[in-house]
C-alpha atoms as a PDB file:
ATOM      1  CA  MET A   1     -39.249   0.562  67.869  1.00  0.00           C
ATOM      2  CA  ILE A   2     -37.710  -1.555  65.066  1.00  0.00           C
ATOM      3  CA  PRO A   3     -36.411  -4.916  66.200  1.00  0.00           C
ATOM      4  CA  ILE A   4     -32.635  -5.386  65.989  1.00  0.00           C
ATOM      5  CA  ARG A   5     -32.971  -7.969  63.289  1.00  0.00           C
ATOM      6  CA  HIS A   6     -34.679  -5.453  60.945  1.00  0.00           C
ATOM      7  CA  ARG A   7     -32.305  -2.610  61.822  1.00  0.00           C
ATOM      8  CA  SER A   8     -29.279  -4.506  60.487  1.00  0.00           C
ATOM      9  CA  ARG A   9     -31.090  -5.302  57.244  1.00  0.00           C
ATOM     10  CA  LEU A  10     -32.110  -1.650  56.772  1.00  0.00           C
ATOM     11  CA  ALA A  11     -28.572  -0.467  57.467  1.00  0.00           C
ATOM     12  CA  HIS A  12     -27.255  -3.015  55.002  1.00  0.00           C
ATOM     13  CA  ASN A  13     -29.713  -1.838  52.319  1.00  0.00           C
ATOM     14  CA  ARG A  14     -28.762   1.802  52.821  1.00  0.00           C
ATOM     15  CA  ILE A  15     -25.041   1.136  52.274  1.00  0.00           C
ATOM     16  CA  ASP A  16     -25.360  -1.575  49.650  1.00  0.00           C
ATOM     17  CA  PRO A  17     -26.796   0.409  46.675  1.00  0.00           C
ATOM     18  CA  ALA A  18     -23.943   2.929  46.639  1.00  0.00           C
ATOM     19  CA  ALA A  19     -21.282   0.243  46.958  1.00  0.00           C
ATOM     20  CA  SER A  20     -23.109  -1.881  44.438  1.00  0.00           C
ATOM     21  CA  SER A  21     -23.312   1.032  41.997  1.00  0.00           C
ATOM     22  CA  ILE A  22     -19.558   1.668  42.199  1.00  0.00           C
ATOM     23  CA  THR A  23     -18.811  -2.031  41.817  1.00  0.00           C
ATOM     24  CA  ARG A  24     -21.228  -2.226  38.895  1.00  0.00           C
ATOM     25  CA  ARG A  25     -19.577   0.728  37.105  1.00  0.00           C
ATOM     26  CA  LYS A  26     -16.153  -0.811  37.642  1.00  0.00           C
ATOM     27  CA  GLY A  27     -17.459  -4.112  36.304  1.00  0.00           C
ATOM     28  CA  ILE A  28     -18.917  -2.461  33.223  1.00  0.00           C
ATOM     29  CA  ALA A  29     -15.663  -0.545  32.642  1.00  0.00           C
ATOM     30  CA  PHE A  30     -13.645  -3.760  33.054  1.00  0.00           C
ATOM     31  CA  TRP A  31     -15.713  -5.747  30.553  1.00  0.00           C
ATOM     32  CA  ARG A  32     -15.976  -2.804  28.146  1.00  0.00           C
ATOM     33  CA  GLU A  33     -12.181  -2.454  28.131  1.00  0.00           C
ATOM     34  CA  ARG A  34     -11.772  -6.135  27.290  1.00  0.00           C
ATOM     35  CA  TRP A  35     -14.411  -5.840  24.543  1.00  0.00           C
ATOM     36  CA  LEU A  36     -12.660  -2.803  23.032  1.00  0.00           C
ATOM     37  CA  HIS A  37      -9.319  -4.617  23.126  1.00  0.00           C
ATOM     38  CA  GLU A  38     -10.727  -7.455  21.021  1.00  0.00           C
ATOM     39  CA  ASP A  39     -12.376  -4.944  18.693  1.00  0.00           C
ATOM     40  CA  ASP A  40      -9.013  -3.200  18.239  1.00  0.00           C
ATOM     41  CA  LEU A  41      -7.375  -6.548  17.452  1.00  0.00           C
ATOM     42  CA  ILE A  42      -9.937  -7.130  14.694  1.00  0.00           C
ATOM     43  CA  ASN A  43      -9.256  -3.642  13.357  1.00  0.00           C
ATOM     44  CA  HIS A  44      -5.490  -4.234  13.285  1.00  0.00           C
ATOM     45  CA  ARG A  45      -5.841  -7.632  11.626  1.00  0.00           C
ATOM     46  CA  LEU A  46      -8.140  -6.310   8.914  1.00  0.00           C
ATOM     47  CA  THR A  47      -5.739  -3.427   8.296  1.00  0.00           C
ATOM     48  CA  TRP A  48      -2.891  -5.932   7.875  1.00  0.00           C
ATOM     49  CA  LEU A  49      -5.072  -7.947   5.516  1.00  0.00           C
ATOM     50  CA  LEU A  50      -5.881  -4.946   3.337  1.00  0.00           C
ATOM     51  CA  ILE A  51      -2.248  -3.810   3.189  1.00  0.00           C
ATOM     52  CA  ALA A  52      -0.925  -7.294   2.395  1.00  0.00           C
ATOM     53  CA  GLN A  53      -3.568  -7.940  -0.254  1.00  0.00           C
ATOM     54  CA  THR A  54      -2.904  -4.568  -1.872  1.00  0.00           C
ATOM     55  CA  ILE A  55       0.803  -5.343  -2.135  1.00  0.00           C
ATOM     56  CA  LEU A  56       0.129  -8.824  -3.531  1.00  0.00           C
ATOM     57  CA  PHE A  57      -2.370  -7.585  -6.124  1.00  0.00           C
ATOM     58  CA  ALA A  58       0.028  -4.833  -7.208  1.00  0.00           C
ATOM     59  CA  GLY A  59       2.872  -7.341  -7.550  1.00  0.00           C
ATOM     60  CA  CYS A  60       0.661  -9.721  -9.490  1.00  0.00           C
ATOM     61  CA  ALA A  61      -0.464  -6.951 -11.859  1.00  0.00           C
ATOM     62  CA  THR A  62       3.133  -5.830 -12.412  1.00  0.00           C
ATOM     63  CA  LEU A  63       4.271  -9.348 -13.249  1.00  0.00           C
ATOM     64  CA  LEU A  64       1.285  -9.895 -15.538  1.00  0.00           C
ATOM     65  CA  ALA A  65       2.200  -6.692 -17.362  1.00  0.00           C
ATOM     66  CA  LEU A  66       5.721  -8.071 -17.850  1.00  0.00           C
ATOM     67  CA  LEU A  67       4.345 -11.361 -19.162  1.00  0.00           C
ATOM     68  CA  PHE A  68       2.112  -9.710 -21.732  1.00  0.00           C
ATOM     69  CA  ASP A  69       4.565  -6.979 -22.700  1.00  0.00           C
ATOM     70  CA  GLY A  70       4.820  -6.637 -26.468  1.00  0.00           C
ATOM     71  CA  ASP A  71       8.541  -5.789 -26.280  1.00  0.00           C
ATOM     72  CA  LYS A  72       9.382  -9.283 -25.007  1.00  0.00           C
ATOM     73  CA  THR A  73      11.752  -7.932 -22.347  1.00  0.00           C
ATOM     74  CA  LEU A  74      11.747 -11.287 -20.558  1.00  0.00           C
ATOM     75  CA  THR A  75      13.982 -14.112 -21.694  1.00  0.00           C
ATOM     76  CA  CYS A  76      12.573 -17.612 -21.886  1.00  0.00           C
ATOM     77  CA  ASP A  77      14.012 -18.666 -18.488  1.00  0.00           C
ATOM     78  CA  ASN A  78      12.873 -15.485 -16.762  1.00  0.00           C
ATOM     79  CA  ARG A  79       9.433 -15.815 -18.326  1.00  0.00           C
ATOM     80  CA  ALA A  80       9.069 -19.294 -16.799  1.00  0.00           C
ATOM     81  CA  ILE A  81      10.011 -17.963 -13.350  1.00  0.00           C
ATOM     82  CA  VAL A  82       7.600 -15.023 -13.617  1.00  0.00           C
ATOM     83  CA  LEU A  83       4.830 -17.290 -14.900  1.00  0.00           C
ATOM     84  CA  HIS A  84       5.362 -19.704 -12.000  1.00  0.00           C
ATOM     85  CA  THR A  85       5.317 -16.798  -9.542  1.00  0.00           C
ATOM     86  CA  VAL A  86       2.079 -15.390 -10.991  1.00  0.00           C
ATOM     87  CA  ARG A  87       0.398 -18.788 -11.255  1.00  0.00           C
ATOM     88  CA  TYR A  88       1.270 -20.282  -7.889  1.00  0.00           C
ATOM     89  CA  VAL A  89       3.339 -18.239  -5.462  1.00  0.00           C
ATOM     90  CA  ILE A  90       1.455 -14.946  -5.236  1.00  0.00           C
ATOM     91  CA  PRO A  91      -2.081 -16.402  -5.195  1.00  0.00           C
ATOM     92  CA  TRP A  92      -1.278 -19.067  -2.606  1.00  0.00           C
ATOM     93  CA  VAL A  93       0.501 -16.528  -0.398  1.00  0.00           C
ATOM     94  CA  GLY A  94      -2.644 -14.383  -0.676  1.00  0.00           C
ATOM     95  CA  VAL A  95      -4.818 -17.336   0.334  1.00  0.00           C
ATOM     96  CA  ALA A  96      -2.521 -18.167   3.266  1.00  0.00           C
ATOM     97  CA  ILE A  97      -2.559 -14.569   4.533  1.00  0.00           C
ATOM     98  CA  ALA A  98      -6.343 -14.326   4.180  1.00  0.00           C
ATOM     99  CA  PHE A  99      -6.786 -17.669   5.966  1.00  0.00           C
ATOM    100  CA  SER A 100      -4.469 -16.802   8.870  1.00  0.00           C
ATOM    101  CA  ILE A 101      -6.026 -13.380   9.381  1.00  0.00           C
ATOM    102  CA  GLY A 102      -9.479 -14.951   9.088  1.00  0.00           C
ATOM    103  CA  LEU A 103      -8.552 -17.294  11.944  1.00  0.00           C
ATOM    104  CA  GLY A 104      -7.402 -14.326  14.013  1.00  0.00           C
ATOM    105  CA  VAL A 105     -10.623 -12.420  13.353  1.00  0.00           C
ATOM    106  CA  ALA A 106     -12.693 -15.516  14.190  1.00  0.00           C
ATOM    107  CA  GLY A 107     -10.757 -15.885  17.448  1.00  0.00           C
ATOM    108  CA  ALA A 108     -11.375 -12.260  18.387  1.00  0.00           C
ATOM    109  CA  LEU A 109     -15.084 -12.546  17.539  1.00  0.00           C
ATOM    110  CA  THR A 110     -15.300 -15.670  19.688  1.00  0.00           C
ATOM    111  CA  SER A 111     -13.570 -13.815  22.522  1.00  0.00           C
ATOM    112  CA  MET A 112     -16.056 -10.960  22.172  1.00  0.00           C
ATOM    113  CA  HIS A 113     -18.931 -13.427  22.436  1.00  0.00           C
ATOM    114  CA  ILE A 114     -17.387 -14.967  25.569  1.00  0.00           C
ATOM    115  CA  ILE A 115     -16.798 -11.511  27.069  1.00  0.00           C
ATOM    116  CA  HIS A 116     -20.429 -10.583  26.367  1.00  0.00           C
ATOM    117  CA  ARG A 117     -21.689 -13.794  27.962  1.00  0.00           C
ATOM    118  CA  LYS A 118     -19.462 -13.477  31.069  1.00  0.00           C
ATOM    119  CA  ALA A 119     -20.253  -9.776  31.493  1.00  0.00           C
ATOM    120  CA  ASN A 120     -23.986 -10.449  31.324  1.00  0.00           C
ATOM    121  CA  ALA A 121     -23.641 -13.236  33.877  1.00  0.00           C
ATOM    122  CA  GLU A 122     -21.656 -10.989  36.229  1.00  0.00           C
ATOM    123  CA  LEU A 123     -23.706  -7.835  35.667  1.00  0.00           C
ATOM    124  CA  ARG A 124     -27.054  -9.655  35.563  1.00  0.00           C
ATOM    125  CA  GLY A 125     -27.884  -8.970  31.922  1.00  0.00           C
ATOM    126  CA  SER A 126     -27.065  -5.279  31.756  1.00  0.00           C
ATOM    127  CA  PHE A 127     -24.015  -5.445  29.458  1.00  0.00           C
ATOM    128  CA  GLU A 128     -25.375  -3.994  26.229  1.00  0.00           C
ATOM    129  CA  TYR A 129     -24.497  -5.538  22.882  1.00  0.00           C
ATOM    130  CA  GLY A 130     -24.031  -2.301  20.960  1.00  0.00           C
ATOM    131  CA  ILE A 131     -26.931   0.024  20.274  1.00  0.00           C
ATOM    132  CA  HIS A 132     -29.009  -2.782  18.798  1.00  0.00           C
ATOM    133  CA  TRP A 133     -27.965  -6.377  18.180  1.00  0.00           C
ATOM    134  CA  LEU A 134     -28.564  -6.304  14.405  1.00  0.00           C
ATOM    135  CA  PRO A 135     -26.082  -3.554  13.415  1.00  0.00           C
ATOM    136  CA  SER A 136     -23.533  -5.030  15.822  1.00  0.00           C
ATOM    137  CA  VAL A 137     -23.821  -8.471  14.285  1.00  0.00           C
ATOM    138  CA  LEU A 138     -23.761  -7.078  10.736  1.00  0.00           C
ATOM    139  CA  GLY A 139     -20.561  -5.178  11.543  1.00  0.00           C
ATOM    140  CA  GLN A 140     -18.954  -8.329  12.883  1.00  0.00           C
ATOM    141  CA  VAL A 141     -20.068 -10.360   9.863  1.00  0.00           C
ATOM    142  CA  ALA A 142     -18.475  -7.781   7.565  1.00  0.00           C
ATOM    143  CA  GLY A 143     -15.162  -8.149   9.390  1.00  0.00           C
ATOM    144  CA  ALA A 144     -15.355 -11.923   9.282  1.00  0.00           C
ATOM    145  CA  PHE A 145     -16.360 -12.005   5.599  1.00  0.00           C
ATOM    146  CA  LEU A 146     -13.482  -9.899   4.271  1.00  0.00           C
ATOM    147  CA  PRO A 147     -10.768 -12.589   4.654  1.00  0.00           C
ATOM    148  CA  VAL A 148     -13.105 -15.139   3.049  1.00  0.00           C
ATOM    149  CA  LEU A 149     -13.698 -12.771   0.140  1.00  0.00           C
ATOM    150  CA  PHE A 150      -9.973 -12.264  -0.494  1.00  0.00           C
ATOM    151  CA  ALA A 151      -9.287 -16.004  -0.262  1.00  0.00           C
ATOM    152  CA  GLY A 152     -12.078 -16.626  -2.779  1.00  0.00           C
ATOM    153  CA  VAL A 153     -10.678 -14.071  -5.213  1.00  0.00           C
ATOM    154  CA  TRP A 154      -7.194 -15.602  -4.981  1.00  0.00           C
ATOM    155  CA  LEU A 155      -8.572 -19.120  -5.506  1.00  0.00           C
ATOM    156  CA  TYR A 156     -10.440 -17.882  -8.562  1.00  0.00           C
ATOM    157  CA  LEU A 157      -7.214 -16.349  -9.867  1.00  0.00           C
ATOM    158  CA  VAL A 158      -5.384 -19.652  -9.278  1.00  0.00           C
ATOM    159  CA  HIS A 159      -8.011 -21.288 -11.464  1.00  0.00           C
ATOM    160  CA  LEU A 160      -7.809 -18.502 -14.056  1.00  0.00           C
ATOM    161  CA  PHE A 161      -3.994 -18.362 -14.116  1.00  0.00           C
ATOM    162  CA  GLY A 162      -3.864 -22.128 -14.562  1.00  0.00           C
ATOM    163  CA  ARG A 163      -4.840 -21.473 -18.185  1.00  0.00           C
ATOM    164  CA  LEU A 164      -1.851 -19.200 -18.821  1.00  0.00           C
ATOM    165  CA  ALA A 165       0.779 -20.753 -21.019  1.00  0.00           C
END
């Protein structure tokens, strides 16, 4: 005969794993959904960055073609406006867009780190960080580096266009 004290513990252990398993799956699904939301935000922000930078580079190339056109289709006043736009406006808008999207990506990456830390605390270390930590981190670094790369290119062009007369 099992004492009453041990019977309640055995009954509790028989019910607990099933309830714990369901709770654990719900917890994993909850944290995974939050992780995917932040990942989608990074995807959207990088898409906006690529679209905006493409438009700015195309506009800059078009205006440069007008400046160096052999037909001299621009008058002196219009040439000064186009030169100012190519030298200052377009590159600094590109830097501002890259910087603001870089802040958004950094915020999402920070949120993903916090989600990972909280999920591991709640799920006792079983919230996986991708297949392996190295490819996951490299993928995140690539997303964080892209805005920095575009800002660097625009700053170089500011320096280069400063020599235009």
